[in-house]
Amino acid sequence: MSRTFETPALTNTLLQQVDVLLNTAREQLLPAHDNILLRQPAPDKWSAAQCLDHLNAYARFYIPRIEKAIQGKLAGSLPPAPSPVFKSGWLGNYFTNMMLPKADGHPGMKMQAPKGYRPLADLNAKQVVNEFIDWQERAKQLLEQSKLVNLESIKIPTTLGNWLKFSLGDTFRFVIAHEQRHMAQALRAKYESSIT
């Protein structure tokens, strides 16, 4: 996959991907019965609500940091001008591609969730879905604001620690790919739970 993107096209693609996540949550998960959202398809598999709880934990980390970084740049005397082209860092690109689900919705590479980001067992399903929707709405606002700054010059720390930072563009790409991965998992869990 290419590491160079036209910035407006990239931003629009990311906005469309967030719209898909939002619509999926609103149309397929919010109306579902709590029992379906909370049922684990197997003892070692997450329920649909657990998939979204996991994503909410990441959103609680990334969204405020993205917000602070963008607002900090816009409040500065000379915010970095948007660049017509965004070049992804090799590590940010690698992590994004590692997260992306395959065409059939299954993960390309299996991995263990870090301890602090494993979902709870006892959840309020509707609350979890509504929180996910709220985070996606905020992500859309931030993507709109990001059109005013340089996606390469702003660095965001990762959940692995302050020592590893991705550019703002790669942070958006990685977070959304991670959300696509687990939304596909949530839909599988919902389907499997509804037929058992």
Protein backbone atom coordinates (compact mmCIF):
# COMPACT_ATOMS: atom_id res chain seq x y z
CA MET A 1 0.00 0.00 0.00
CA SER A 2 1.25 3.46 -0.91
CA ARG A 3 2.64 5.68 1.82
CA THR A 4 1.91 8.94 -0.01
CA PHE A 5 -1.60 10.41 -0.21
CA GLU A 6 -3.19 13.58 -1.49
CA THR A 7 -4.17 15.21 1.80
CA PRO A 8 -7.75 16.26 0.88
CA ALA A 9 -8.49 12.80 -0.56
CA LEU A 10 -7.07 11.11 2.56
CA THR A 11 -9.13 13.30 4.90
CA ASN A 12 -12.30 12.66 2.88
CA THR A 13 -11.65 8.90 2.89
CA LEU A 14 -11.17 8.93 6.67
CA LEU A 15 -14.37 10.96 7.13
CA GLN A 16 -16.27 8.43 4.99
CA GLN A 17 -14.85 5.56 7.04
CA VAL A 18 -15.98 7.23 10.28
CA ASP A 19 -19.44 7.74 8.74
CA VAL A 20 -19.64 4.01 7.99
CA LEU A 21 -18.65 3.20 11.59
CA LEU A 22 -21.25 5.67 12.89
CA ASN A 23 -24.04 4.35 10.67
CA THR A 24 -23.19 0.74 11.53
CA ALA A 25 -23.33 1.50 15.26
CA ARG A 26 -26.61 3.41 14.92
CA GLU A 27 -28.38 1.06 12.52
CA GLN A 28 -27.09 -2.40 13.46
CA LEU A 29 -25.92 -2.25 17.07
CA LEU A 30 -28.05 0.36 18.84
CA PRO A 31 -31.39 -1.30 17.91
CA ALA A 32 -30.13 -4.81 18.83
CA HIS A 33 -31.35 -6.43 22.04
CA ASP A 34 -28.95 -6.17 24.99
CA ASN A 35 -28.77 -9.98 25.28
CA ILE A 36 -27.44 -10.20 21.70
CA LEU A 37 -24.88 -7.42 22.26
CA LEU A 38 -23.66 -8.93 25.54
CA ARG A 39 -23.51 -12.60 24.48
CA GLN A 40 -20.02 -13.94 23.79
CA PRO A 41 -20.10 -16.27 20.77
CA ALA A 42 -17.59 -18.50 22.61
CA PRO A 43 -15.87 -18.28 26.02
CA ASP A 44 -12.67 -16.92 24.43
CA LYS A 45 -14.45 -14.49 22.05
CA TRP A 46 -15.62 -10.96 22.82
CA SER A 47 -19.26 -9.95 22.62
CA ALA A 48 -20.27 -7.06 20.32
CA ALA A 49 -20.45 -4.77 23.38
CA GLN A 50 -16.98 -5.85 24.50
CA CYS A 51 -15.55 -5.02 21.05
CA LEU A 52 -16.93 -1.47 21.34
CA ASP A 53 -15.85 -1.16 24.99
CA HIS A 54 -12.31 -1.95 23.82
CA LEU A 55 -12.56 0.77 21.15
CA ASN A 56 -13.96 3.27 23.65
CA ALA A 57 -10.92 2.71 25.88
CA TYR A 58 -8.65 3.64 22.96
CA ALA A 59 -10.82 6.64 22.06
CA ARG A 60 -10.50 7.90 25.65
CA PHE A 61 -6.74 7.88 25.12
CA TYR A 62 -6.45 9.22 21.56
CA ILE A 63 -9.31 11.69 21.03
CA PRO A 64 -8.36 14.12 23.86
CA ARG A 65 -4.69 14.06 22.76
CA ILE A 66 -5.60 14.70 19.13
CA GLU A 67 -7.96 17.50 20.22
CA LYS A 68 -5.30 19.14 22.40
CA ALA A 69 -2.64 18.88 19.66
CA ILE A 70 -4.85 20.39 16.95
CA GLN A 71 -6.14 23.18 19.19
CA GLY A 72 -2.61 23.92 20.34
CA LYS A 73 -1.46 24.36 16.73
CA LEU A 74 -4.49 26.45 15.74
CA ALA A 75 -4.03 28.69 18.77
CA GLY A 76 -0.36 29.27 17.93
CA SER A 77 0.81 32.40 16.17
CA LEU A 78 1.80 30.48 13.05
CA PRO A 79 0.02 27.11 12.64
CA PRO A 80 1.75 24.81 10.14
CA ALA A 81 0.03 25.22 6.80
CA PRO A 82 -1.75 22.15 5.43
CA SER A 83 0.34 20.25 2.92
CA PRO A 84 -1.24 19.08 -0.35
CA VAL A 85 0.46 15.70 0.13
CA PHE A 86 0.68 13.52 3.25
CA LYS A 87 3.52 11.03 3.53
CA SER A 88 2.92 8.30 6.06
CA GLY A 89 5.80 7.28 8.33
CA TRP A 90 6.95 3.71 7.75
CA LEU A 91 6.02 2.63 11.30
CA GLY A 92 2.64 4.39 11.26
CA ASN A 93 1.90 2.81 7.89
CA TYR A 94 2.99 -0.62 9.14
CA PHE A 95 0.78 -0.44 12.24
CA THR A 96 -2.19 0.78 10.18
CA ASN A 97 -1.86 -2.03 7.64
CA MET A 98 -1.43 -4.55 10.46
CA MET A 99 -4.73 -3.38 11.99
CA LEU A 100 -6.82 -3.27 8.83
CA PRO A 101 -9.28 -6.16 8.52
CA LYS A 102 -9.04 -8.36 5.44
CA ALA A 103 -11.70 -8.09 2.71
CA ASP A 104 -13.80 -10.75 4.50
CA GLY A 105 -13.76 -8.68 7.73
CA HIS A 106 -11.44 -11.05 9.61
CA PRO A 107 -8.22 -9.70 11.13
CA GLY A 108 -5.12 -9.94 8.98
CA MET A 109 -2.89 -10.53 11.98
CA LYS A 110 -4.10 -11.81 15.33
CA MET A 111 -2.84 -10.03 18.42
CA GLN A 112 -3.47 -9.86 22.14
CA ALA A 113 -5.10 -6.71 23.54
CA PRO A 114 -2.91 -4.94 26.12
CA LYS A 115 -4.07 -5.57 29.68
CA GLY A 116 -5.37 -2.03 30.27
CA TYR A 117 -7.47 -2.19 27.08
CA ARG A 118 -9.23 -5.50 27.58
CA PRO A 119 -13.00 -5.06 27.81
CA LEU A 120 -15.01 -5.49 30.97
CA ALA A 121 -17.24 -8.53 31.38
CA ASP A 122 -20.17 -6.65 32.98
CA LEU A 123 -21.30 -3.93 30.60
CA ASN A 124 -24.30 -1.72 29.91
CA ALA A 125 -24.63 -2.50 26.20
CA LYS A 126 -26.58 0.60 25.13
CA GLN A 127 -24.28 2.88 27.13
CA VAL A 128 -21.24 1.33 25.41
CA VAL A 129 -22.75 1.79 21.92
CA ASN A 130 -23.79 5.38 22.68
CA GLU A 131 -20.31 6.20 23.98
CA PHE A 132 -18.82 4.77 20.79
CA ILE A 133 -21.17 6.97 18.72
CA ASP A 134 -20.14 10.04 20.75
CA TRP A 135 -16.44 9.33 20.15
CA GLN A 136 -17.05 8.95 16.40
CA GLU A 137 -18.86 12.30 16.31
CA ARG A 138 -15.85 13.91 18.00
CA ALA A 139 -13.48 12.16 15.59
CA LYS A 140 -15.42 13.66 12.66
CA GLN A 141 -15.11 17.16 14.14
CA LEU A 142 -11.36 16.64 14.60
CA LEU A 143 -10.94 15.40 11.04
CA GLU A 144 -12.68 18.57 9.84
CA GLN A 145 -10.36 20.71 12.03
CA SER A 146 -7.33 18.77 10.78
CA LYS A 147 -7.90 20.28 7.31
CA LEU A 148 -6.41 23.51 8.75
CA VAL A 149 -3.12 22.00 9.97
CA ASN A 150 -0.20 19.96 8.65
CA LEU A 151 -0.90 16.23 9.20
CA GLU A 152 2.81 15.38 9.24
CA SER A 153 4.12 18.04 11.62
CA ILE A 154 1.81 17.25 14.57
CA LYS A 155 2.94 14.24 16.59
CA ILE A 156 0.63 12.20 18.85
CA PRO A 157 1.89 9.76 21.51
CA THR A 158 0.67 6.16 21.20
CA THR A 159 -0.74 3.88 23.89
CA LEU A 160 2.66 2.16 23.89
CA GLY A 161 4.21 5.25 25.51
CA ASN A 162 5.41 8.80 24.86
CA TRP A 163 8.57 7.41 23.27
CA LEU A 164 6.55 6.24 20.24
CA LYS A 165 4.66 8.97 18.41
CA PHE A 166 2.82 8.93 15.11
CA SER A 167 2.06 11.91 12.92
CA LEU A 168 -1.51 13.21 13.20
CA GLY A 169 -2.32 11.67 9.79
CA ASP A 170 -0.99 8.25 10.80
CA THR A 171 -2.77 8.46 14.16
CA PHE A 172 -6.11 9.00 12.41
CA ARG A 173 -5.34 6.19 9.94
CA PHE A 174 -4.29 3.75 12.68
CA VAL A 175 -7.18 4.51 15.06
CA ILE A 176 -9.80 4.20 12.29
CA ALA A 177 -8.26 0.94 10.96
CA HIS A 178 -8.37 -0.42 14.53
CA GLU A 179 -12.04 0.59 14.76
CA GLN A 180 -12.83 -1.08 11.42
CA ARG A 181 -11.15 -4.26 12.64
CA HIS A 182 -13.19 -4.47 15.84
CA MET A 183 -16.45 -3.27 14.28
CA ALA A 184 -16.20 -6.23 11.89
CA GLN A 185 -15.57 -8.44 14.94
CA ALA A 186 -18.58 -6.90 16.74
CA LEU A 187 -20.85 -7.62 13.77
CA ARG A 188 -19.62 -11.24 13.65
CA ALA A 189 -20.28 -11.59 17.39
CA LYS A 190 -23.77 -10.11 16.98
CA TYR A 191 -24.54 -12.46 14.10
CA GLU A 192 -23.20 -15.55 15.89
CA SER A 193 -25.07 -14.61 19.07
CA SER A 194 -28.34 -14.12 17.22
CA ILE A 195 -28.30 -17.62 15.66
CA THR A 196 -27.39 -19.59 18.82
